[in-house]
């Protein structure tokens, strides 16, 4: 498991997941993201809902489905991040 996925597993809140996802996304060049942004939509992460939205955009991108494409790695990361958010949301809250 690479360090970015490890960071997701260590996240205890949705904000932690969003922060980590925002930092990971910042490593990607705008040109690499063009198949997803389609030249008009901005990829940004401010909340857990943004993580889930970007996962949807990424899995809808044909390039993300190609295991040889770099977007496949990004889609896998956002899939994991969205799953981590779901886990956090389902967890019982400490009183």
C-alpha atoms as a PDB file:
ATOM      1  CA  UNK A   1       0.000   0.000   0.000  1.00  0.00           C
ATOM      2  CA  UNK A   2       1.539   3.317  -0.948  1.00  0.00           C
ATOM      3  CA  UNK A   3       1.869   6.181   1.515  1.00  0.00           C
ATOM      4  CA  UNK A   4      -1.130   8.102   0.116  1.00  0.00           C
ATOM      5  CA  UNK A   5      -3.453   5.167   0.699  1.00  0.00           C
ATOM      6  CA  UNK A   6      -1.920   4.688   4.137  1.00  0.00           C
ATOM      7  CA  UNK A   7      -2.765   8.328   4.939  1.00  0.00           C
ATOM      8  CA  UNK A   8      -6.401   7.627   4.055  1.00  0.00           C
ATOM      9  CA  UNK A   9      -6.509   4.665   6.401  1.00  0.00           C
ATOM     10  CA  UNK A  10      -5.108   6.850   9.198  1.00  0.00           C
ATOM     11  CA  UNK A  11      -7.755   9.554   8.664  1.00  0.00           C
ATOM     12  CA  UNK A  12     -10.283   9.787  11.492  1.00  0.00           C
ATOM     13  CA  UNK A  13     -12.597  12.448  10.076  1.00  0.00           C
ATOM     14  CA  UNK A  14     -14.050  13.441   6.719  1.00  0.00           C
ATOM     15  CA  UNK A  15     -11.980  16.614   6.936  1.00  0.00           C
ATOM     16  CA  UNK A  16      -8.824  14.495   7.293  1.00  0.00           C
ATOM     17  CA  UNK A  17      -9.760  12.529   4.173  1.00  0.00           C
ATOM     18  CA  UNK A  18     -10.574  15.720   2.240  1.00  0.00           C
ATOM     19  CA  UNK A  19      -7.272  17.333   3.277  1.00  0.00           C
ATOM     20  CA  UNK A  20      -5.273  14.287   2.204  1.00  0.00           C
ATOM     21  CA  UNK A  21      -7.180  14.019  -1.088  1.00  0.00           C
ATOM     22  CA  UNK A  22      -6.629  17.741  -1.763  1.00  0.00           C
ATOM     23  CA  UNK A  23      -2.875  17.314  -1.208  1.00  0.00           C
ATOM     24  CA  UNK A  24      -2.755  14.249  -3.465  1.00  0.00           C
ATOM     25  CA  UNK A  25      -4.742  15.973  -6.214  1.00  0.00           C
ATOM     26  CA  UNK A  26      -2.322  18.933  -6.097  1.00  0.00           C
ATOM     27  CA  UNK A  27       0.415  16.592  -7.340  1.00  0.00           C
ATOM     28  CA  UNK A  28      -1.391  16.128 -10.656  1.00  0.00           C
ATOM     29  CA  UNK A  29      -0.763  18.519 -13.535  1.00  0.00           C
ATOM     30  CA  UNK A  30      -3.789  20.195 -15.150  1.00  0.00           C
ATOM     31  CA  UNK A  31      -2.879  18.507 -18.435  1.00  0.00           C
ATOM     32  CA  UNK A  32      -3.090  15.068 -16.796  1.00  0.00           C
ATOM     33  CA  UNK A  33      -6.580  15.911 -15.543  1.00  0.00           C
ATOM     34  CA  UNK A  34      -7.945  17.217 -18.862  1.00  0.00           C
ATOM     35  CA  UNK A  35      -9.830  14.008 -19.729  1.00  0.00           C
ATOM     36  CA  UNK A  36     -11.811  14.478 -16.507  1.00  0.00           C
ATOM     37  CA  UNK A  37     -12.128  18.257 -16.394  1.00  0.00           C
ATOM     38  CA  UNK A  38     -13.071  18.426 -20.083  1.00  0.00           C
ATOM     39  CA  UNK A  39     -11.636  21.944 -20.131  1.00  0.00           C
ATOM     40  CA  UNK A  40     -14.434  23.499 -18.120  1.00  0.00           C
ATOM     41  CA  UNK A  41     -14.922  21.928 -14.716  1.00  0.00           C
ATOM     42  CA  UNK A  42     -12.620  22.430 -11.803  1.00  0.00           C
ATOM     43  CA  UNK A  43     -11.378  19.521  -9.747  1.00  0.00           C
ATOM     44  CA  UNK A  44     -11.168  20.680  -6.160  1.00  0.00           C
ATOM     45  CA  UNK A  45     -11.572  19.072  -2.783  1.00  0.00           C
ATOM     46  CA  UNK A  46     -13.040  21.026   0.093  1.00  0.00           C
ATOM     47  CA  UNK A  47     -15.218  18.361   1.703  1.00  0.00           C
ATOM     48  CA  UNK A  48     -16.093  14.710   1.772  1.00  0.00           C
ATOM     49  CA  UNK A  49     -18.849  15.377  -0.743  1.00  0.00           C
ATOM     50  CA  UNK A  50     -16.230  16.739  -3.171  1.00  0.00           C
ATOM     51  CA  UNK A  51     -14.251  13.504  -2.797  1.00  0.00           C
ATOM     52  CA  UNK A  52     -17.346  11.498  -3.682  1.00  0.00           C
ATOM     53  CA  UNK A  53     -18.110  13.756  -6.660  1.00  0.00           C
ATOM     54  CA  UNK A  54     -14.590  13.446  -8.054  1.00  0.00           C
ATOM     55  CA  UNK A  55     -14.787   9.675  -7.673  1.00  0.00           C
ATOM     56  CA  UNK A  56     -17.910   9.737  -9.837  1.00  0.00           C
ATOM     57  CA  UNK A  57     -16.240  11.905 -12.483  1.00  0.00           C
ATOM     58  CA  UNK A  58     -13.154   9.705 -12.519  1.00  0.00           C
ATOM     59  CA  UNK A  59     -14.934   6.386 -12.839  1.00  0.00           C
ATOM     60  CA  UNK A  60     -16.993   7.849 -15.698  1.00  0.00           C
ATOM     61  CA  UNK A  61     -13.797   8.711 -17.587  1.00  0.00           C
ATOM     62  CA  UNK A  62     -12.789   6.053 -20.136  1.00  0.00           C
ATOM     63  CA  UNK A  63      -9.102   6.827 -19.458  1.00  0.00           C
ATOM     64  CA  UNK A  64      -9.528   5.898 -15.799  1.00  0.00           C
ATOM     65  CA  UNK A  65     -10.675   2.422 -16.788  1.00  0.00           C
ATOM     66  CA  UNK A  66      -7.404   1.662 -18.581  1.00  0.00           C
ATOM     67  CA  UNK A  67      -5.008   0.049 -16.073  1.00  0.00           C
ATOM     68  CA  UNK A  68      -2.096   1.485 -18.071  1.00  0.00           C
ATOM     69  CA  UNK A  69      -3.363   5.066 -17.823  1.00  0.00           C
ATOM     70  CA  UNK A  70      -2.254   7.409 -15.068  1.00  0.00           C
ATOM     71  CA  UNK A  71      -5.876   8.358 -14.405  1.00  0.00           C
ATOM     72  CA  UNK A  72      -6.498   4.754 -13.378  1.00  0.00           C
ATOM     73  CA  UNK A  73      -4.273   5.373 -10.351  1.00  0.00           C
ATOM     74  CA  UNK A  74      -6.109   8.607  -9.532  1.00  0.00           C
ATOM     75  CA  UNK A  75      -9.506   6.915  -9.857  1.00  0.00           C
ATOM     76  CA  UNK A  76      -8.362   4.128  -7.537  1.00  0.00           C
ATOM     77  CA  UNK A  77      -7.207   6.663  -4.989  1.00  0.00           C
ATOM     78  CA  UNK A  78     -10.494   8.580  -5.032  1.00  0.00           C
ATOM     79  CA  UNK A  79     -12.426   5.317  -4.867  1.00  0.00           C
ATOM     80  CA  UNK A  80     -10.497   4.473  -1.702  1.00  0.00           C
ATOM     81  CA  UNK A  81     -10.988   7.994  -0.287  1.00  0.00           C
ATOM     82  CA  UNK A  82     -14.752   7.847  -0.881  1.00  0.00           C
ATOM     83  CA  UNK A  83     -14.918   4.417   0.750  1.00  0.00           C
ATOM     84  CA  UNK A  84     -12.997   5.760   3.744  1.00  0.00           C
ATOM     85  CA  UNK A  85     -15.541   8.575   4.071  1.00  0.00           C
ATOM     86  CA  UNK A  86     -18.369   6.037   4.045  1.00  0.00           C
ATOM     87  CA  UNK A  87     -16.613   4.050   6.765  1.00  0.00           C
ATOM     88  CA  UNK A  88     -16.202   7.177   8.884  1.00  0.00           C
ATOM     89  CA  UNK A  89     -19.859   8.120   8.383  1.00  0.00           C
ATOM     90  CA  UNK A  90     -21.024   4.653   9.454  1.00  0.00           C
ATOM     91  CA  UNK A  91     -18.815   4.523  12.545  1.00  0.00           C
ATOM     92  CA  UNK A  92     -20.535   5.025  15.896  1.00  0.00           C
ATOM     93  CA  UNK A  93     -19.826   8.432  17.367  1.00  0.00           C
ATOM     94  CA  UNK A  94     -18.011   8.680  20.694  1.00  0.00           C
ATOM     95  CA  UNK A  95     -19.979  10.474  23.369  1.00  0.00           C
END
